[in-house]
Amino acid sequence: LVWDGVTAMGAPPLQRKLFLFHVAVSL
């Protein structure tokens, strides 16, 4: 989760928001 989070922080805004949304819904 930390690995993917670091990767997402360097990704385009839409990809970063999708990752945060998925984590928020899952957890």
mmCIF file of all heavy atoms, coordinates in Angstrom:
data_MODEL
# 
_entry.id   MODEL 
# 
loop_
_atom_site.group_PDB 
_atom_site.id 
_atom_site.type_symbol 
_atom_site.label_atom_id 
_atom_site.label_alt_id 
_atom_site.label_comp_id 
_atom_site.label_asym_id 
_atom_site.label_entity_id 
_atom_site.label_seq_id 
_atom_site.pdbx_PDB_ins_code 
_atom_site.Cartn_x 
_atom_site.Cartn_y 
_atom_site.Cartn_z 
_atom_site.occupancy 
_atom_site.B_iso_or_equiv 
_atom_site.pdbx_formal_charge 
_atom_site.auth_seq_id 
_atom_site.auth_comp_id 
_atom_site.auth_asym_id 
_atom_site.auth_atom_id 
_atom_site.pdbx_PDB_model_num 
ATOM 1   N N   . LEU A 1 1  ? 0.832   -1.202 0.000   1.00 0.00 ? 1  LEU A N   1 
ATOM 2   C CA  . LEU A 1 1  ? 0.000   0.000  0.000   1.00 0.00 ? 1  LEU A CA  1 
ATOM 3   C C   . LEU A 1 1  ? 0.868   1.255  0.000   1.00 0.00 ? 1  LEU A C   1 
ATOM 4   O O   . LEU A 1 1  ? 0.595   2.218  -0.735  1.00 0.00 ? 1  LEU A O   1 
ATOM 5   C CB  . LEU A 1 1  ? -0.925  -0.020 1.217   1.00 0.00 ? 1  LEU A CB  1 
ATOM 6   C CG  . LEU A 1 1  ? -1.992  1.078  1.277   1.00 0.00 ? 1  LEU A CG  1 
ATOM 7   C CD1 . LEU A 1 1  ? -2.975  0.934  0.125   1.00 0.00 ? 1  LEU A CD1 1 
ATOM 8   C CD2 . LEU A 1 1  ? -2.740  1.015  2.607   1.00 0.00 ? 1  LEU A CD2 1 
ATOM 9   N N   . VAL A 1 2  ? 1.924   1.242  0.804   1.00 0.00 ? 2  VAL A N   1 
ATOM 10  C CA  . VAL A 1 2  ? 2.857   2.377  0.818   1.00 0.00 ? 2  VAL A CA  1 
ATOM 11  C C   . VAL A 1 2  ? 3.558   2.494  -0.533  1.00 0.00 ? 2  VAL A C   1 
ATOM 12  O O   . VAL A 1 2  ? 3.707   3.604  -1.081  1.00 0.00 ? 2  VAL A O   1 
ATOM 13  C CB  . VAL A 1 2  ? 3.884   2.203  1.948   1.00 0.00 ? 2  VAL A CB  1 
ATOM 14  C CG1 . VAL A 1 2  ? 4.974   3.274  1.845   1.00 0.00 ? 2  VAL A CG1 1 
ATOM 15  C CG2 . VAL A 1 2  ? 3.191   2.269  3.306   1.00 0.00 ? 2  VAL A CG2 1 
ATOM 16  N N   . TRP A 1 3  ? 3.974   1.362  -1.086  1.00 0.00 ? 3  TRP A N   1 
ATOM 17  C CA  . TRP A 1 3  ? 4.643   1.341  -2.399  1.00 0.00 ? 3  TRP A CA  1 
ATOM 18  C C   . TRP A 1 3  ? 3.736   1.973  -3.454  1.00 0.00 ? 3  TRP A C   1 
ATOM 19  O O   . TRP A 1 3  ? 4.160   2.865  -4.201  1.00 0.00 ? 3  TRP A O   1 
ATOM 20  C CB  . TRP A 1 3  ? 4.956   -0.102 -2.749  1.00 0.00 ? 3  TRP A CB  1 
ATOM 21  C CG  . TRP A 1 3  ? 5.832   -0.317 -3.965  1.00 0.00 ? 3  TRP A CG  1 
ATOM 22  C CD1 . TRP A 1 3  ? 5.965   0.486  -5.059  1.00 0.00 ? 3  TRP A CD1 1 
ATOM 23  C CD2 . TRP A 1 3  ? 6.692   -1.433 -4.204  1.00 0.00 ? 3  TRP A CD2 1 
ATOM 24  N NE1 . TRP A 1 3  ? 6.841   -0.040 -5.969  1.00 0.00 ? 3  TRP A NE1 1 
ATOM 25  C CE2 . TRP A 1 3  ? 7.309   -1.237 -5.470  1.00 0.00 ? 3  TRP A CE2 1 
ATOM 26  C CE3 . TRP A 1 3  ? 6.982   -2.583 -3.483  1.00 0.00 ? 3  TRP A CE3 1 
ATOM 27  C CZ2 . TRP A 1 3  ? 8.184   -2.155 -6.017  1.00 0.00 ? 3  TRP A CZ2 1 
ATOM 28  C CZ3 . TRP A 1 3  ? 7.877   -3.489 -4.034  1.00 0.00 ? 3  TRP A CZ3 1 
ATOM 29  C CH2 . TRP A 1 3  ? 8.478   -3.277 -5.284  1.00 0.00 ? 3  TRP A CH2 1 
ATOM 30  N N   . ASP A 1 4  ? 2.495   1.514  -3.522  1.00 0.00 ? 4  ASP A N   1 
ATOM 31  C CA  . ASP A 1 4  ? 1.564   2.058  -4.505  1.00 0.00 ? 4  ASP A CA  1 
ATOM 32  C C   . ASP A 1 4  ? 1.261   3.524  -4.232  1.00 0.00 ? 4  ASP A C   1 
ATOM 33  O O   . ASP A 1 4  ? 1.046   4.312  -5.165  1.00 0.00 ? 4  ASP A O   1 
ATOM 34  C CB  . ASP A 1 4  ? 0.255   1.257  -4.486  1.00 0.00 ? 4  ASP A CB  1 
ATOM 35  C CG  . ASP A 1 4  ? 0.383   -0.081 -5.193  1.00 0.00 ? 4  ASP A CG  1 
ATOM 36  O OD1 . ASP A 1 4  ? 1.351   -0.263 -5.954  1.00 0.00 ? 4  ASP A OD1 1 
ATOM 37  O OD2 . ASP A 1 4  ? -0.489  -0.952 -4.977  1.00 0.00 ? 4  ASP A OD2 1 
ATOM 38  N N   . GLY A 1 5  ? 1.223   3.897  -2.938  1.00 0.00 ? 5  GLY A N   1 
ATOM 39  C CA  . GLY A 1 5  ? 0.954   5.292  -2.603  1.00 0.00 ? 5  GLY A CA  1 
ATOM 40  C C   . GLY A 1 5  ? 2.056   6.213  -3.092  1.00 0.00 ? 5  GLY A C   1 
ATOM 41  O O   . GLY A 1 5  ? 1.781   7.289  -3.639  1.00 0.00 ? 5  GLY A O   1 
ATOM 42  N N   . VAL A 1 6  ? 3.307   5.795  -2.899  1.00 0.00 ? 6  VAL A N   1 
ATOM 43  C CA  . VAL A 1 6  ? 4.445   6.598  -3.386  1.00 0.00 ? 6  VAL A CA  1 
ATOM 44  C C   . VAL A 1 6  ? 4.391   6.711  -4.908  1.00 0.00 ? 6  VAL A C   1 
ATOM 45  O O   . VAL A 1 6  ? 4.603   7.790  -5.474  1.00 0.00 ? 6  VAL A O   1 
ATOM 46  C CB  . VAL A 1 6  ? 5.775   5.964  -2.933  1.00 0.00 ? 6  VAL A CB  1 
ATOM 47  C CG1 . VAL A 1 6  ? 6.953   6.660  -3.609  1.00 0.00 ? 6  VAL A CG1 1 
ATOM 48  C CG2 . VAL A 1 6  ? 5.902   6.033  -1.413  1.00 0.00 ? 6  VAL A CG2 1 
ATOM 49  N N   . THR A 1 7  ? 4.060   5.582  -5.572  1.00 0.00 ? 7  THR A N   1 
ATOM 50  C CA  . THR A 1 7  ? 3.959   5.605  -7.035  1.00 0.00 ? 7  THR A CA  1 
ATOM 51  C C   . THR A 1 7  ? 2.838   6.536  -7.489  1.00 0.00 ? 7  THR A C   1 
ATOM 52  O O   . THR A 1 7  ? 2.987   7.308  -8.449  1.00 0.00 ? 7  THR A O   1 
ATOM 53  C CB  . THR A 1 7  ? 3.698   4.186  -7.576  1.00 0.00 ? 7  THR A CB  1 
ATOM 54  O OG1 . THR A 1 7  ? 4.761   3.329  -7.157  1.00 0.00 ? 7  THR A OG1 1 
ATOM 55  C CG2 . THR A 1 7  ? 3.603   4.191  -9.097  1.00 0.00 ? 7  THR A CG2 1 
ATOM 56  N N   . ALA A 1 8  ? 1.699   6.473  -6.793  1.00 0.00 ? 8  ALA A N   1 
ATOM 57  C CA  . ALA A 1 8  ? 0.554   7.296  -7.176  1.00 0.00 ? 8  ALA A CA  1 
ATOM 58  C C   . ALA A 1 8  ? 0.833   8.779  -6.993  1.00 0.00 ? 8  ALA A C   1 
ATOM 59  O O   . ALA A 1 8  ? 0.333   9.615  -7.759  1.00 0.00 ? 8  ALA A O   1 
ATOM 60  C CB  . ALA A 1 8  ? -0.671  6.884  -6.360  1.00 0.00 ? 8  ALA A CB  1 
ATOM 61  N N   . MET A 1 9  ? 1.619   9.131  -5.974  1.00 0.00 ? 9  MET A N   1 
ATOM 62  C CA  . MET A 1 9  ? 1.910   10.537 -5.738  1.00 0.00 ? 9  MET A CA  1 
ATOM 63  C C   . MET A 1 9  ? 2.694   11.156 -6.895  1.00 0.00 ? 9  MET A C   1 
ATOM 64  O O   . MET A 1 9  ? 2.659   12.372 -7.100  1.00 0.00 ? 9  MET A O   1 
ATOM 65  C CB  . MET A 1 9  ? 2.686   10.705 -4.426  1.00 0.00 ? 9  MET A CB  1 
ATOM 66  C CG  . MET A 1 9  ? 1.885   10.387 -3.175  1.00 0.00 ? 9  MET A CG  1 
ATOM 67  S SD  . MET A 1 9  ? 0.320   11.303 -3.026  1.00 0.00 ? 9  MET A SD  1 
ATOM 68  C CE  . MET A 1 9  ? -0.871  10.040 -3.549  1.00 0.00 ? 9  MET A CE  1 
ATOM 69  N N   . GLY A 1 10 ? 3.408   10.332 -7.651  1.00 0.00 ? 10 GLY A N   1 
ATOM 70  C CA  . GLY A 1 10 ? 4.149   10.843 -8.793  1.00 0.00 ? 10 GLY A CA  1 
ATOM 71  C C   . GLY A 1 10 ? 3.417   10.673 -10.102 1.00 0.00 ? 10 GLY A C   1 
ATOM 72  O O   . GLY A 1 10 ? 3.961   10.988 -11.168 1.00 0.00 ? 10 GLY A O   1 
ATOM 73  N N   . ALA A 1 11 ? 2.185   10.179 -10.048 1.00 0.00 ? 11 ALA A N   1 
ATOM 74  C CA  . ALA A 1 11 ? 1.387   9.939  -11.248 1.00 0.00 ? 11 ALA A CA  1 
ATOM 75  C C   . ALA A 1 11 ? 0.533   11.157 -11.564 1.00 0.00 ? 11 ALA A C   1 
ATOM 76  O O   . ALA A 1 11 ? 0.430   12.091 -10.750 1.00 0.00 ? 11 ALA A O   1 
ATOM 77  C CB  . ALA A 1 11 ? 0.498   8.717  -11.031 1.00 0.00 ? 11 ALA A CB  1 
ATOM 78  N N   . PRO A 1 12 ? -0.105  11.183 -12.738 1.00 0.00 ? 12 PRO A N   1 
ATOM 79  C CA  . PRO A 1 12 ? -1.016  12.282 -13.074 1.00 0.00 ? 12 PRO A CA  1 
ATOM 80  C C   . PRO A 1 12 ? -2.130  12.422 -12.035 1.00 0.00 ? 12 PRO A C   1 
ATOM 81  O O   . PRO A 1 12 ? -2.478  11.448 -11.349 1.00 0.00 ? 12 PRO A O   1 
ATOM 82  C CB  . PRO A 1 12 ? -1.571  11.872 -14.437 1.00 0.00 ? 12 PRO A CB  1 
ATOM 83  C CG  . PRO A 1 12 ? -0.515  10.989 -15.016 1.00 0.00 ? 12 PRO A CG  1 
ATOM 84  C CD  . PRO A 1 12 ? 0.064   10.247 -13.861 1.00 0.00 ? 12 PRO A CD  1 
ATOM 85  N N   . PRO A 1 13 ? -2.719  13.612 -11.904 1.00 0.00 ? 13 PRO A N   1 
ATOM 86  C CA  . PRO A 1 13 ? -3.730  13.868 -10.870 1.00 0.00 ? 13 PRO A CA  1 
ATOM 87  C C   . PRO A 1 13 ? -4.899  12.881 -10.869 1.00 0.00 ? 13 PRO A C   1 
ATOM 88  O O   . PRO A 1 13 ? -5.340  12.448 -9.798  1.00 0.00 ? 13 PRO A O   1 
ATOM 89  C CB  . PRO A 1 13 ? -4.204  15.290 -11.185 1.00 0.00 ? 13 PRO A CB  1 
ATOM 90  C CG  . PRO A 1 13 ? -3.036  15.921 -11.857 1.00 0.00 ? 13 PRO A CG  1 
ATOM 91  C CD  . PRO A 1 13 ? -2.398  14.834 -12.668 1.00 0.00 ? 13 PRO A CD  1 
ATOM 92  N N   . LEU A 1 14 ? -5.407  12.518 -12.045 1.00 0.00 ? 14 LEU A N   1 
ATOM 93  C CA  . LEU A 1 14 ? -6.548  11.616 -12.098 1.00 0.00 ? 14 LEU A CA  1 
ATOM 94  C C   . LEU A 1 14 ? -6.189  10.246 -11.526 1.00 0.00 ? 14 LEU A C   1 
ATOM 95  O O   . LEU A 1 14 ? -6.959  9.660  -10.744 1.00 0.00 ? 14 LEU A O   1 
ATOM 96  C CB  . LEU A 1 14 ? -7.044  11.465 -13.537 1.00 0.00 ? 14 LEU A CB  1 
ATOM 97  C CG  . LEU A 1 14 ? -8.232  10.500 -13.729 1.00 0.00 ? 14 LEU A CG  1 
ATOM 98  C CD1 . LEU A 1 14 ? -9.422  10.960 -12.906 1.00 0.00 ? 14 LEU A CD1 1 
ATOM 99  C CD2 . LEU A 1 14 ? -8.595  10.387 -15.206 1.00 0.00 ? 14 LEU A CD2 1 
ATOM 100 N N   . GLN A 1 15 ? -5.030  9.732  -11.880 1.00 0.00 ? 15 GLN A N   1 
ATOM 101 C CA  . GLN A 1 15 ? -4.591  8.431  -11.368 1.00 0.00 ? 15 GLN A CA  1 
ATOM 102 C C   . GLN A 1 15 ? -4.383  8.484  -9.861  1.00 0.00 ? 15 GLN A C   1 
ATOM 103 O O   . GLN A 1 15 ? -4.728  7.540  -9.141  1.00 0.00 ? 15 GLN A O   1 
ATOM 104 C CB  . GLN A 1 15 ? -3.293  8.012  -12.069 1.00 0.00 ? 15 GLN A CB  1 
ATOM 105 C CG  . GLN A 1 15 ? -2.821  6.610  -11.710 1.00 0.00 ? 15 GLN A CG  1 
ATOM 106 C CD  . GLN A 1 15 ? -1.608  6.199  -12.533 1.00 0.00 ? 15 GLN A CD  1 
ATOM 107 O OE1 . GLN A 1 15 ? -1.350  6.742  -13.614 1.00 0.00 ? 15 GLN A OE1 1 
ATOM 108 N NE2 . GLN A 1 15 ? -0.865  5.241  -12.014 1.00 0.00 ? 15 GLN A NE2 1 
ATOM 109 N N   . ARG A 1 16 ? -3.841  9.596  -9.372  1.00 0.00 ? 16 ARG A N   1 
ATOM 110 C CA  . ARG A 1 16 ? -3.632  9.755  -7.940  1.00 0.00 ? 16 ARG A CA  1 
ATOM 111 C C   . ARG A 1 16 ? -4.971  9.796  -7.194  1.00 0.00 ? 16 ARG A C   1 
ATOM 112 O O   . ARG A 1 16 ? -5.135  9.152  -6.154  1.00 0.00 ? 16 ARG A O   1 
ATOM 113 C CB  . ARG A 1 16 ? -2.832  11.037 -7.672  1.00 0.00 ? 16 ARG A CB  1 
ATOM 114 C CG  . ARG A 1 16 ? -2.544  11.265 -6.201  1.00 0.00 ? 16 ARG A CG  1 
ATOM 115 C CD  . ARG A 1 16 ? -1.525  12.375 -5.995  1.00 0.00 ? 16 ARG A CD  1 
ATOM 116 N NE  . ARG A 1 16 ? -1.979  13.670 -6.488  1.00 0.00 ? 16 ARG A NE  1 
ATOM 117 C CZ  . ARG A 1 16 ? -1.485  14.284 -7.557  1.00 0.00 ? 16 ARG A CZ  1 
ATOM 118 N NH1 . ARG A 1 16 ? -0.515  13.729 -8.271  1.00 0.00 ? 16 ARG A NH1 1 
ATOM 119 N NH2 . ARG A 1 16 ? -1.944  15.459 -7.930  1.00 0.00 ? 16 ARG A NH2 1 
ATOM 120 N N   . LYS A 1 17 ? -5.946  10.514 -7.738  1.00 0.00 ? 17 LYS A N   1 
ATOM 121 C CA  . LYS A 1 17 ? -7.263  10.603 -7.099  1.00 0.00 ? 17 LYS A CA  1 
ATOM 122 C C   . LYS A 1 17 ? -7.974  9.247  -7.101  1.00 0.00 ? 17 LYS A C   1 
ATOM 123 O O   . LYS A 1 17 ? -8.644  8.898  -6.128  1.00 0.00 ? 17 LYS A O   1 
ATOM 124 C CB  . LYS A 1 17 ? -8.113  11.651 -7.812  1.00 0.00 ? 17 LYS A CB  1 
ATOM 125 C CG  . LYS A 1 17 ? -7.644  13.082 -7.578  1.00 0.00 ? 17 LYS A CG  1 
ATOM 126 C CD  . LYS A 1 17 ? -8.507  14.085 -8.331  1.00 0.00 ? 17 LYS A CD  1 
ATOM 127 C CE  . LYS A 1 17 ? -8.032  15.508 -8.105  1.00 0.00 ? 17 LYS A CE  1 
ATOM 128 N NZ  . LYS A 1 17 ? -8.844  16.498 -8.863  1.00 0.00 ? 17 LYS A NZ  1 
ATOM 129 N N   . LEU A 1 18 ? -7.824  8.505  -8.188  1.00 0.00 ? 18 LEU A N   1 
ATOM 130 C CA  . LEU A 1 18 ? -8.449  7.177  -8.246  1.00 0.00 ? 18 LEU A CA  1 
ATOM 131 C C   . LEU A 1 18 ? -7.861  6.247  -7.198  1.00 0.00 ? 18 LEU A C   1 
ATOM 132 O O   . LEU A 1 18 ? -8.579  5.496  -6.525  1.00 0.00 ? 18 LEU A O   1 
ATOM 133 C CB  . LEU A 1 18 ? -8.265  6.569  -9.644  1.00 0.00 ? 18 LEU A CB  1 
ATOM 134 C CG  . LEU A 1 18 ? -9.239  7.026  -10.728 1.00 0.00 ? 18 LEU A CG  1 
ATOM 135 C CD1 . LEU A 1 18 ? -8.852  6.420  -12.070 1.00 0.00 ? 18 LEU A CD1 1 
ATOM 136 C CD2 . LEU A 1 18 ? -10.667 6.637  -10.350 1.00 0.00 ? 18 LEU A CD2 1 
ATOM 137 N N   . PHE A 1 19 ? -6.546  6.314  -7.038  1.00 0.00 ? 19 PHE A N   1 
ATOM 138 C CA  . PHE A 1 19 ? -5.903  5.473  -6.036  1.00 0.00 ? 19 PHE A CA  1 
ATOM 139 C C   . PHE A 1 19 ? -6.417  5.815  -4.643  1.00 0.00 ? 19 PHE A C   1 
ATOM 140 O O   . PHE A 1 19 ? -6.776  4.919  -3.854  1.00 0.00 ? 19 PHE A O   1 
ATOM 141 C CB  . PHE A 1 19 ? -4.381  5.650  -6.098  1.00 0.00 ? 19 PHE A CB  1 
ATOM 142 C CG  . PHE A 1 19 ? -3.659  5.007  -4.956  1.00 0.00 ? 19 PHE A CG  1 
ATOM 143 C CD1 . PHE A 1 19 ? -3.464  3.634  -4.908  1.00 0.00 ? 19 PHE A CD1 1 
ATOM 144 C CD2 . PHE A 1 19 ? -3.177  5.786  -3.887  1.00 0.00 ? 19 PHE A CD2 1 
ATOM 145 C CE1 . PHE A 1 19 ? -2.802  3.035  -3.840  1.00 0.00 ? 19 PHE A CE1 1 
ATOM 146 C CE2 . PHE A 1 19 ? -2.518  5.196  -2.823  1.00 0.00 ? 19 PHE A CE2 1 
ATOM 147 C CZ  . PHE A 1 19 ? -2.329  3.819  -2.796  1.00 0.00 ? 19 PHE A CZ  1 
ATOM 148 N N   . LEU A 1 20 ? -6.459  7.096  -4.325  1.00 0.00 ? 20 LEU A N   1 
ATOM 149 C CA  . LEU A 1 20 ? -6.936  7.518  -3.007  1.00 0.00 ? 20 LEU A CA  1 
ATOM 150 C C   . LEU A 1 20 ? -8.402  7.135  -2.802  1.00 0.00 ? 20 LEU A C   1 
ATOM 151 O O   . LEU A 1 20 ? -8.808  6.755  -1.693  1.00 0.00 ? 20 LEU A O   1 
ATOM 152 C CB  . LEU A 1 20 ? -6.751  9.030  -2.845  1.00 0.00 ? 20 LEU A CB  1 
ATOM 153 C CG  . LEU A 1 20 ? -5.286  9.515  -2.807  1.00 0.00 ? 20 LEU A CG  1 
ATOM 154 C CD1 . LEU A 1 20 ? -5.226  11.036 -2.764  1.00 0.00 ? 20 LEU A CD1 1 
ATOM 155 C CD2 . LEU A 1 20 ? -4.547  8.911  -1.611  1.00 0.00 ? 20 LEU A CD2 1 
ATOM 156 N N   . PHE A 1 21 ? -9.204  7.226  -3.869  1.00 0.00 ? 21 PHE A N   1 
ATOM 157 C CA  . PHE A 1 21 ? -10.611 6.839  -3.778  1.00 0.00 ? 21 PHE A CA  1 
ATOM 158 C C   . PHE A 1 21 ? -10.740 5.339  -3.493  1.00 0.00 ? 21 PHE A C   1 
ATOM 159 O O   . PHE A 1 21 ? -11.523 4.924  -2.631  1.00 0.00 ? 21 PHE A O   1 
ATOM 160 C CB  . PHE A 1 21 ? -11.330 7.184  -5.090  1.00 0.00 ? 21 PHE A CB  1 
ATOM 161 C CG  . PHE A 1 21 ? -12.726 6.647  -5.171  1.00 0.00 ? 21 PHE A CG  1 
ATOM 162 C CD1 . PHE A 1 21 ? -13.772 7.237  -4.470  1.00 0.00 ? 21 PHE A CD1 1 
ATOM 163 C CD2 . PHE A 1 21 ? -12.999 5.526  -5.958  1.00 0.00 ? 21 PHE A CD2 1 
ATOM 164 C CE1 . PHE A 1 21 ? -15.057 6.731  -4.540  1.00 0.00 ? 21 PHE A CE1 1 
ATOM 165 C CE2 . PHE A 1 21 ? -14.278 5.011  -6.035  1.00 0.00 ? 21 PHE A CE2 1 
ATOM 166 C CZ  . PHE A 1 21 ? -15.317 5.615  -5.331  1.00 0.00 ? 21 PHE A CZ  1 
ATOM 167 N N   . HIS A 1 22 ? -9.961  4.526  -4.209  1.00 0.00 ? 22 HIS A N   1 
ATOM 168 C CA  . HIS A 1 22 ? -10.016 3.072  -4.001  1.00 0.00 ? 22 HIS A CA  1 
ATOM 169 C C   . HIS A 1 22 ? -9.609  2.704  -2.578  1.00 0.00 ? 22 HIS A C   1 
ATOM 170 O O   . HIS A 1 22 ? -10.242 1.849  -1.946  1.00 0.00 ? 22 HIS A O   1 
ATOM 171 C CB  . HIS A 1 22 ? -9.102  2.367  -5.005  1.00 0.00 ? 22 HIS A CB  1 
ATOM 172 C CG  . HIS A 1 22 ? -9.540  2.514  -6.416  1.00 0.00 ? 22 HIS A CG  1 
ATOM 173 N ND1 . HIS A 1 22 ? -8.676  2.375  -7.496  1.00 0.00 ? 22 HIS A ND1 1 
ATOM 174 C CD2 . HIS A 1 22 ? -10.757 2.782  -6.962  1.00 0.00 ? 22 HIS A CD2 1 
ATOM 175 C CE1 . HIS A 1 22 ? -9.333  2.556  -8.619  1.00 0.00 ? 22 HIS A CE1 1 
ATOM 176 N NE2 . HIS A 1 22 ? -10.601 2.806  -8.328  1.00 0.00 ? 22 HIS A NE2 1 
ATOM 177 N N   . VAL A 1 23 ? -8.558  3.337  -2.076  1.00 0.00 ? 23 VAL A N   1 
ATOM 178 C CA  . VAL A 1 23 ? -8.119  3.059  -0.717  1.00 0.00 ? 23 VAL A CA  1 
ATOM 179 C C   . VAL A 1 23 ? -9.183  3.486  0.290   1.00 0.00 ? 23 VAL A C   1 
ATOM 180 O O   . VAL A 1 23 ? -9.477  2.764  1.256   1.00 0.00 ? 23 VAL A O   1 
ATOM 181 C CB  . VAL A 1 23 ? -6.784  3.765  -0.420  1.00 0.00 ? 23 VAL A CB  1 
ATOM 182 C CG1 . VAL A 1 23 ? -6.415  3.640  1.057   1.00 0.00 ? 23 VAL A CG1 1 
ATOM 183 C CG2 . VAL A 1 23 ? -5.670  3.195  -1.291  1.00 0.00 ? 23 VAL A CG2 1 
ATOM 184 N N   . ALA A 1 24 ? -9.790  4.652  0.055   1.00 0.00 ? 24 ALA A N   1 
ATOM 185 C CA  . ALA A 1 24 ? -10.811 5.150  0.970   1.00 0.00 ? 24 ALA A CA  1 
ATOM 186 C C   . ALA A 1 24 ? -12.012 4.217  1.026   1.00 0.00 ? 24 ALA A C   1 
ATOM 187 O O   . ALA A 1 24 ? -12.546 3.933  2.104   1.00 0.00 ? 24 ALA A O   1 
ATOM 188 C CB  . ALA A 1 24 ? -11.243 6.560  0.554   1.00 0.00 ? 24 ALA A CB  1 
ATOM 189 N N   . VAL A 1 25 ? -12.449 3.721  -0.128  1.00 0.00 ? 25 VAL A N   1 
ATOM 190 C CA  . VAL A 1 25 ? -13.606 2.821  -0.154  1.00 0.00 ? 25 VAL A CA  1 
ATOM 191 C C   . VAL A 1 25 ? -13.255 1.474  0.465   1.00 0.00 ? 25 VAL A C   1 
ATOM 192 O O   . VAL A 1 25 ? -14.031 0.902  1.238   1.00 0.00 ? 25 VAL A O   1 
ATOM 193 C CB  . VAL A 1 25 ? -14.119 2.635  -1.595  1.00 0.00 ? 25 VAL A CB  1 
ATOM 194 C CG1 . VAL A 1 25 ? -15.207 1.561  -1.648  1.00 0.00 ? 25 VAL A CG1 1 
ATOM 195 C CG2 . VAL A 1 25 ? -14.652 3.947  -2.145  1.00 0.00 ? 25 VAL A CG2 1 
ATOM 196 N N   . SER A 1 26 ? -12.070 0.963  0.134   1.00 0.00 ? 26 SER A N   1 
ATOM 197 C CA  . SER A 1 26 ? -11.682 -0.355 0.631   1.00 0.00 ? 26 SER A CA  1 
ATOM 198 C C   . SER A 1 26 ? -11.525 -0.360 2.146   1.00 0.00 ? 26 SER A C   1 
ATOM 199 O O   . SER A 1 26 ? -12.018 -1.258 2.834   1.00 0.00 ? 26 SER A O   1 
ATOM 200 C CB  . SER A 1 26 ? -10.377 -0.806 -0.034  1.00 0.00 ? 26 SER A CB  1 
ATOM 201 O OG  . SER A 1 26 ? -10.116 -2.164 0.229   1.00 0.00 ? 26 SER A OG  1 
ATOM 202 N N   . LEU A 1 27 ? -10.839 0.661  2.673   1.00 0.00 ? 27 LEU A N   1 
ATOM 203 C CA  . LEU A 1 27 ? -10.591 0.708  4.113   1.00 0.00 ? 27 LEU A CA  1 
ATOM 204 C C   . LEU A 1 27 ? -11.702 1.402  4.884   1.00 0.00 ? 27 LEU A C   1 
ATOM 205 O O   . LEU A 1 27 ? -11.913 1.119  6.064   1.00 0.00 ? 27 LEU A O   1 
ATOM 206 C CB  . LEU A 1 27 ? -9.258  1.409  4.394   1.00 0.00 ? 27 LEU A CB  1 
ATOM 207 C CG  . LEU A 1 27 ? -8.015  0.752  3.783   1.00 0.00 ? 27 LEU A CG  1 
ATOM 208 C CD1 . LEU A 1 27 ? -6.752  1.485  4.208   1.00 0.00 ? 27 LEU A CD1 1 
ATOM 209 C CD2 . LEU A 1 27 ? -7.924  -0.721 4.169   1.00 0.00 ? 27 LEU A CD2 1 
# 
